[in-house]
Structures are given as structure tokens and as C-alpha cells.
Amino acid sequence: MSSDPEEILLGILEDLGHEDFDNFQWYLWHDRVLEGFKSIPKSKLEGLDRKNTVDEMIQAYSIHTLKVTKMVLEKMKMMGLWEKHEKKIPKPEGKSWKHENLMMF
């Protein structure tokens, strides 16, 4: 079980069907959908497969990529998918999971 953010995100995107993946990308480029985060220009997402979408998200959101992913899945009402993959995210040593959730997710 990988704890690498890129691999976790790829696993989530691979679990999305074609239409859900299109909707996921829509949330990334649509203005004012992701509060506190800039959208990714539509031109950068058009035609990207799942792996390249991961790369674009990592470039745009850096350490907040999984937080943005969770926000999008909440908007899509697909939190079950988040919960399926959330257990792969390592808990930092010396901090409670609740504290970490407040910081990153």
C-alpha cells in the first residue's frame, strides 16, 4: 500500500469512470469552485489522461493536492472514494490525526 501522494491521487482518479473523471477536471478549472485555491486553466487540463492530471495538480497545488482532491470529491458527493484511499495517507509522528486533518485536509 503506497503512501506517496501522487500514487494515492492516481488511485483515486483511476477509480473514476470517464464521466466522473471529466467532472473532476471540470471542478479543477472552473473559477470559484475551490475556495482558497486557484483554478487550473482549462487549456492545461484538456486532453490530459489521469497520470498527466496528477502531474498538473501536483504542480498547481503542491502539498495541498490531496486537500484539493478531497474538496473536489466532496463537491461531487463521492466521499466514499476519498474514504477508500484516505487510509493510505500516513499519519505524521508526534501529531494527532485530528491535528493533521486541520493542517492538510
N, C-alpha and C. Protein backbone atom coordinates (compact mmCIF):
# COMPACT_ATOMS: atom_id res chain seq x y z
N MET A 1 0.85 -1.17 0.00
CA MET A 1 0.00 0.00 0.00
C MET A 1 0.90 1.24 0.00
N SER A 2 0.80 2.05 -1.04
CA SER A 2 1.65 3.21 -1.19
C SER A 2 1.11 4.41 -0.42
N SER A 3 2.02 5.20 0.13
CA SER A 3 1.60 6.42 0.81
C SER A 3 2.07 7.65 0.06
N ASP A 4 2.59 7.48 -1.15
CA ASP A 4 3.04 8.58 -1.98
C ASP A 4 1.83 9.36 -2.48
N PRO A 5 1.76 10.69 -2.24
CA PRO A 5 0.58 11.45 -2.65
C PRO A 5 0.21 11.30 -4.13
N GLU A 6 1.23 11.25 -4.98
CA GLU A 6 0.96 11.08 -6.41
C GLU A 6 0.26 9.75 -6.69
N GLU A 7 0.71 8.69 -6.03
CA GLU A 7 0.11 7.38 -6.25
C GLU A 7 -1.28 7.28 -5.63
N ILE A 8 -1.48 7.94 -4.50
CA ILE A 8 -2.81 7.96 -3.89
C ILE A 8 -3.78 8.68 -4.81
N LEU A 9 -3.37 9.85 -5.32
CA LEU A 9 -4.23 10.60 -6.24
C LEU A 9 -4.49 9.81 -7.51
N LEU A 10 -3.47 9.17 -8.06
CA LEU A 10 -3.67 8.36 -9.26
C LEU A 10 -4.67 7.24 -9.00
N GLY A 11 -4.56 6.60 -7.85
CA GLY A 11 -5.52 5.55 -7.50
C GLY A 11 -6.95 6.07 -7.46
N ILE A 12 -7.12 7.27 -6.90
CA ILE A 12 -8.45 7.87 -6.86
C ILE A 12 -8.96 8.13 -8.27
N LEU A 13 -8.12 8.75 -9.10
CA LEU A 13 -8.55 9.07 -10.47
C LEU A 13 -8.82 7.82 -11.29
N GLU A 14 -8.05 6.76 -11.04
CA GLU A 14 -8.29 5.50 -11.77
C GLU A 14 -9.60 4.85 -11.37
N ASP A 15 -10.09 5.16 -10.18
CA ASP A 15 -11.38 4.62 -9.73
C ASP A 15 -12.57 5.40 -10.29
N LEU A 16 -12.31 6.53 -10.93
CA LEU A 16 -13.39 7.31 -11.53
C LEU A 16 -13.69 6.81 -12.93
N GLY A 17 -14.96 6.71 -13.26
CA GLY A 17 -15.34 6.41 -14.63
C GLY A 17 -15.07 7.61 -15.52
N HIS A 18 -15.27 7.45 -16.82
CA HIS A 18 -14.96 8.51 -17.78
C HIS A 18 -15.71 9.81 -17.45
N GLU A 19 -17.02 9.71 -17.23
CA GLU A 19 -17.82 10.91 -16.97
C GLU A 19 -17.42 11.56 -15.64
N ASP A 20 -17.19 10.74 -14.61
CA ASP A 20 -16.77 11.28 -13.32
C ASP A 20 -15.39 11.95 -13.42
N PHE A 21 -14.49 11.37 -14.21
CA PHE A 21 -13.17 11.97 -14.41
C PHE A 21 -13.30 13.33 -15.10
N ASP A 22 -14.17 13.41 -16.11
CA ASP A 22 -14.42 14.70 -16.77
C ASP A 22 -14.97 15.72 -15.77
N ASN A 23 -15.88 15.28 -14.91
CA ASN A 23 -16.44 16.18 -13.90
C ASN A 23 -15.37 16.62 -12.90
N PHE A 24 -14.49 15.70 -12.52
CA PHE A 24 -13.39 16.03 -11.61
C PHE A 24 -12.54 17.14 -12.21
N GLN A 25 -12.17 17.00 -13.48
CA GLN A 25 -11.37 18.03 -14.14
C GLN A 25 -12.14 19.35 -14.22
N TRP A 26 -13.45 19.27 -14.44
CA TRP A 26 -14.26 20.49 -14.52
C TRP A 26 -14.12 21.31 -13.24
N TYR A 27 -14.17 20.62 -12.09
CA TYR A 27 -14.02 21.33 -10.83
C TYR A 27 -12.64 21.98 -10.70
N LEU A 28 -11.63 21.39 -11.29
CA LEU A 28 -10.28 21.95 -11.20
C LEU A 28 -10.13 23.23 -12.01
N TRP A 29 -10.80 23.34 -13.14
CA TRP A 29 -10.63 24.54 -13.96
C TRP A 29 -11.73 25.57 -13.79
N HIS A 30 -12.83 25.21 -13.18
CA HIS A 30 -13.94 26.14 -13.05
C HIS A 30 -13.65 27.15 -11.93
N ASP A 31 -13.74 28.44 -12.27
CA ASP A 31 -13.47 29.51 -11.29
C ASP A 31 -14.44 29.46 -10.12
N ARG A 32 -13.94 29.82 -8.97
CA ARG A 32 -14.72 29.99 -7.73
C ARG A 32 -15.32 28.69 -7.18
N VAL A 33 -14.84 27.57 -7.62
CA VAL A 33 -15.36 26.30 -7.10
C VAL A 33 -14.52 25.85 -5.90
N LEU A 34 -13.22 25.97 -6.01
CA LEU A 34 -12.33 25.53 -4.94
C LEU A 34 -11.93 26.74 -4.10
N GLU A 35 -12.64 26.96 -3.03
CA GLU A 35 -12.39 28.11 -2.17
C GLU A 35 -10.97 28.08 -1.62
N GLY A 36 -10.26 29.18 -1.81
CA GLY A 36 -8.91 29.29 -1.30
C GLY A 36 -7.83 28.79 -2.24
N PHE A 37 -8.21 28.23 -3.37
CA PHE A 37 -7.24 27.72 -4.33
C PHE A 37 -7.56 28.24 -5.72
N LYS A 38 -6.51 28.52 -6.48
CA LYS A 38 -6.70 28.96 -7.86
C LYS A 38 -7.08 27.77 -8.73
N SER A 39 -7.88 28.06 -9.73
CA SER A 39 -8.23 27.00 -10.68
C SER A 39 -7.04 26.76 -11.62
N ILE A 40 -7.04 25.59 -12.23
CA ILE A 40 -6.06 25.27 -13.26
C ILE A 40 -6.71 25.65 -14.59
N PRO A 41 -6.02 26.40 -15.44
CA PRO A 41 -6.64 26.78 -16.72
C PRO A 41 -7.13 25.56 -17.50
N LYS A 42 -8.30 25.71 -18.09
CA LYS A 42 -8.90 24.62 -18.85
C LYS A 42 -7.95 24.10 -19.93
N SER A 43 -7.22 25.02 -20.56
CA SER A 43 -6.30 24.63 -21.64
C SER A 43 -5.21 23.69 -21.15
N LYS A 44 -4.87 23.75 -19.87
CA LYS A 44 -3.84 22.85 -19.32
C LYS A 44 -4.39 21.47 -19.00
N LEU A 45 -5.71 21.36 -18.84
CA LEU A 45 -6.33 20.08 -18.48
C LEU A 45 -6.92 19.34 -19.68
N GLU A 46 -7.26 20.07 -20.72
CA GLU A 46 -7.92 19.44 -21.87
C GLU A 46 -7.05 18.35 -22.47
N GLY A 47 -7.64 17.19 -22.62
CA GLY A 47 -6.96 16.07 -23.25
C GLY A 47 -5.99 15.32 -22.35
N LEU A 48 -5.86 15.73 -21.10
CA LEU A 48 -4.93 15.03 -20.20
C LEU A 48 -5.54 13.73 -19.71
N ASP A 49 -4.70 12.70 -19.66
CA ASP A 49 -5.13 11.45 -19.05
C ASP A 49 -4.97 11.57 -17.53
N ARG A 50 -5.21 10.51 -16.84
CA ARG A 50 -5.17 10.55 -15.38
C ARG A 50 -3.77 10.84 -14.84
N LYS A 51 -2.75 10.21 -15.40
CA LYS A 51 -1.39 10.43 -14.92
C LYS A 51 -0.95 11.87 -15.12
N ASN A 52 -1.25 12.43 -16.28
CA ASN A 52 -0.86 13.82 -16.53
C ASN A 52 -1.69 14.80 -15.72
N THR A 53 -2.92 14.44 -15.39
CA THR A 53 -3.73 15.26 -14.49
C THR A 53 -3.10 15.30 -13.10
N VAL A 54 -2.59 14.16 -12.64
CA VAL A 54 -1.88 14.12 -11.36
C VAL A 54 -0.70 15.09 -11.40
N ASP A 55 0.10 15.02 -12.45
CA ASP A 55 1.27 15.90 -12.57
C ASP A 55 0.86 17.37 -12.54
N GLU A 56 -0.20 17.71 -13.25
CA GLU A 56 -0.67 19.10 -13.30
C GLU A 56 -1.17 19.56 -11.93
N MET A 57 -1.86 18.68 -11.23
CA MET A 57 -2.35 19.03 -9.89
C MET A 57 -1.20 19.22 -8.90
N ILE A 58 -0.20 18.35 -8.96
CA ILE A 58 0.96 18.47 -8.07
C ILE A 58 1.67 19.80 -8.34
N GLN A 59 1.80 20.15 -9.60
CA GLN A 59 2.45 21.41 -9.96
C GLN A 59 1.63 22.60 -9.46
N ALA A 60 0.32 22.53 -9.56
CA ALA A 60 -0.54 23.66 -9.19
C ALA A 60 -0.75 23.78 -7.68
N TYR A 61 -0.89 22.64 -7.00
CA TYR A 61 -1.31 22.67 -5.60
C TYR A 61 -0.26 22.18 -4.61
N SER A 62 0.83 21.64 -5.08
CA SER A 62 1.94 21.21 -4.24
C SER A 62 1.47 20.34 -3.07
N ILE A 63 1.80 20.74 -1.85
CA ILE A 63 1.46 19.92 -0.68
C ILE A 63 -0.03 19.90 -0.38
N HIS A 64 -0.79 20.73 -1.06
CA HIS A 64 -2.24 20.80 -0.83
C HIS A 64 -3.04 19.98 -1.84
N THR A 65 -2.34 19.19 -2.66
CA THR A 65 -3.02 18.44 -3.72
C THR A 65 -4.08 17.50 -3.17
N LEU A 66 -3.77 16.78 -2.11
CA LEU A 66 -4.77 15.85 -1.56
C LEU A 66 -5.93 16.61 -0.91
N LYS A 67 -5.66 17.77 -0.34
CA LYS A 67 -6.74 18.59 0.22
C LYS A 67 -7.69 19.02 -0.91
N VAL A 68 -7.13 19.47 -2.03
CA VAL A 68 -7.94 19.86 -3.19
C VAL A 68 -8.72 18.66 -3.70
N THR A 69 -8.09 17.51 -3.76
CA THR A 69 -8.76 16.29 -4.21
C THR A 69 -9.97 16.00 -3.33
N LYS A 70 -9.78 16.10 -2.02
CA LYS A 70 -10.90 15.87 -1.10
C LYS A 70 -12.01 16.88 -1.33
N MET A 71 -11.66 18.14 -1.55
CA MET A 71 -12.66 19.18 -1.80
C MET A 71 -13.48 18.86 -3.04
N VAL A 72 -12.80 18.43 -4.11
CA VAL A 72 -13.50 18.09 -5.35
C VAL A 72 -14.42 16.90 -5.13
N LEU A 73 -13.93 15.87 -4.47
CA LEU A 73 -14.77 14.69 -4.22
C LEU A 73 -15.97 15.04 -3.34
N GLU A 74 -15.80 15.96 -2.41
CA GLU A 74 -16.95 16.43 -1.62
C GLU A 74 -17.99 17.09 -2.52
N LYS A 75 -17.53 17.95 -3.42
CA LYS A 75 -18.45 18.63 -4.35
C LYS A 75 -19.16 17.61 -5.23
N MET A 76 -18.46 16.54 -5.60
CA MET A 76 -19.02 15.51 -6.47
C MET A 76 -19.88 14.50 -5.70
N LYS A 77 -19.91 14.66 -4.37
CA LYS A 77 -20.63 13.73 -3.50
C LYS A 77 -20.11 12.30 -3.66
N MET A 78 -18.77 12.20 -3.66
CA MET A 78 -18.09 10.92 -3.81
C MET A 78 -17.11 10.69 -2.66
N MET A 79 -17.52 11.02 -1.45
CA MET A 79 -16.62 10.88 -0.31
C MET A 79 -16.28 9.43 0.01
N GLY A 80 -17.09 8.51 -0.44
CA GLY A 80 -16.76 7.10 -0.26
C GLY A 80 -15.45 6.75 -0.94
N LEU A 81 -15.20 7.36 -2.08
CA LEU A 81 -13.95 7.14 -2.80
C LEU A 81 -12.78 7.73 -2.01
N TRP A 82 -12.97 8.91 -1.43
CA TRP A 82 -11.93 9.50 -0.59
C TRP A 82 -11.63 8.58 0.60
N GLU A 83 -12.68 8.12 1.25
CA GLU A 83 -12.51 7.27 2.43
C GLU A 83 -11.79 5.97 2.08
N LYS A 84 -12.03 5.45 0.90
CA LYS A 84 -11.35 4.23 0.46
C LYS A 84 -9.83 4.44 0.39
N HIS A 85 -9.41 5.60 -0.06
CA HIS A 85 -7.98 5.86 -0.27
C HIS A 85 -7.32 6.60 0.90
N GLU A 86 -8.12 7.23 1.76
CA GLU A 86 -7.59 8.03 2.86
C GLU A 86 -6.70 7.21 3.80
N LYS A 87 -7.02 5.95 3.97
CA LYS A 87 -6.23 5.12 4.89
C LYS A 87 -4.79 4.90 4.42
N LYS A 88 -4.51 5.23 3.16
CA LYS A 88 -3.15 5.09 2.63
C LYS A 88 -2.27 6.29 2.98
N ILE A 89 -2.90 7.36 3.47
CA ILE A 89 -2.16 8.57 3.80
C ILE A 89 -1.51 8.37 5.17
N PRO A 90 -0.19 8.49 5.26
CA PRO A 90 0.48 8.24 6.54
C PRO A 90 0.16 9.33 7.55
N LYS A 91 0.04 8.92 8.81
CA LYS A 91 -0.16 9.86 9.91
C LYS A 91 1.22 10.34 10.36
N PRO A 92 1.39 11.64 10.53
CA PRO A 92 2.70 12.13 10.97
C PRO A 92 2.98 11.72 12.41
N GLU A 93 4.24 11.42 12.67
CA GLU A 93 4.62 11.04 14.03
C GLU A 93 4.56 12.26 14.94
N GLY A 94 4.10 12.05 16.16
CA GLY A 94 4.09 13.12 17.14
C GLY A 94 2.90 14.06 17.04
N LYS A 95 2.02 13.84 16.09
CA LYS A 95 0.83 14.69 15.96
C LYS A 95 -0.39 13.79 15.90
N SER A 96 -1.47 14.30 16.39
CA SER A 96 -2.70 13.53 16.31
C SER A 96 -3.26 13.62 14.90
N TRP A 97 -4.05 12.63 14.52
CA TRP A 97 -4.67 12.62 13.19
C TRP A 97 -5.60 13.82 13.06
N LYS A 98 -6.28 14.19 14.14
CA LYS A 98 -7.17 15.35 14.09
C LYS A 98 -6.37 16.60 13.75
N HIS A 99 -5.22 16.77 14.38
CA HIS A 99 -4.38 17.93 14.10
C HIS A 99 -3.95 17.93 12.64
N GLU A 100 -3.55 16.80 12.15
CA GLU A 100 -3.11 16.70 10.76
C GLU A 100 -4.26 17.02 9.81
N ASN A 101 -5.45 16.56 10.12
CA ASN A 101 -6.61 16.86 9.28
C ASN A 101 -6.82 18.36 9.20
N LEU A 102 -6.64 19.07 10.30
CA LEU A 102 -6.83 20.51 10.28
C LEU A 102 -5.75 21.19 9.46
N MET A 103 -4.57 20.62 9.43
CA MET A 103 -3.47 21.24 8.71
C MET A 103 -3.53 20.99 7.20
N MET A 104 -3.80 19.76 6.79
CA MET A 104 -3.71 19.42 5.37
C MET A 104 -5.05 19.11 4.73
N PHE A 105 -5.97 18.50 5.44
CA PHE A 105 -7.18 18.02 4.80
C PHE A 105 -8.37 18.76 5.34
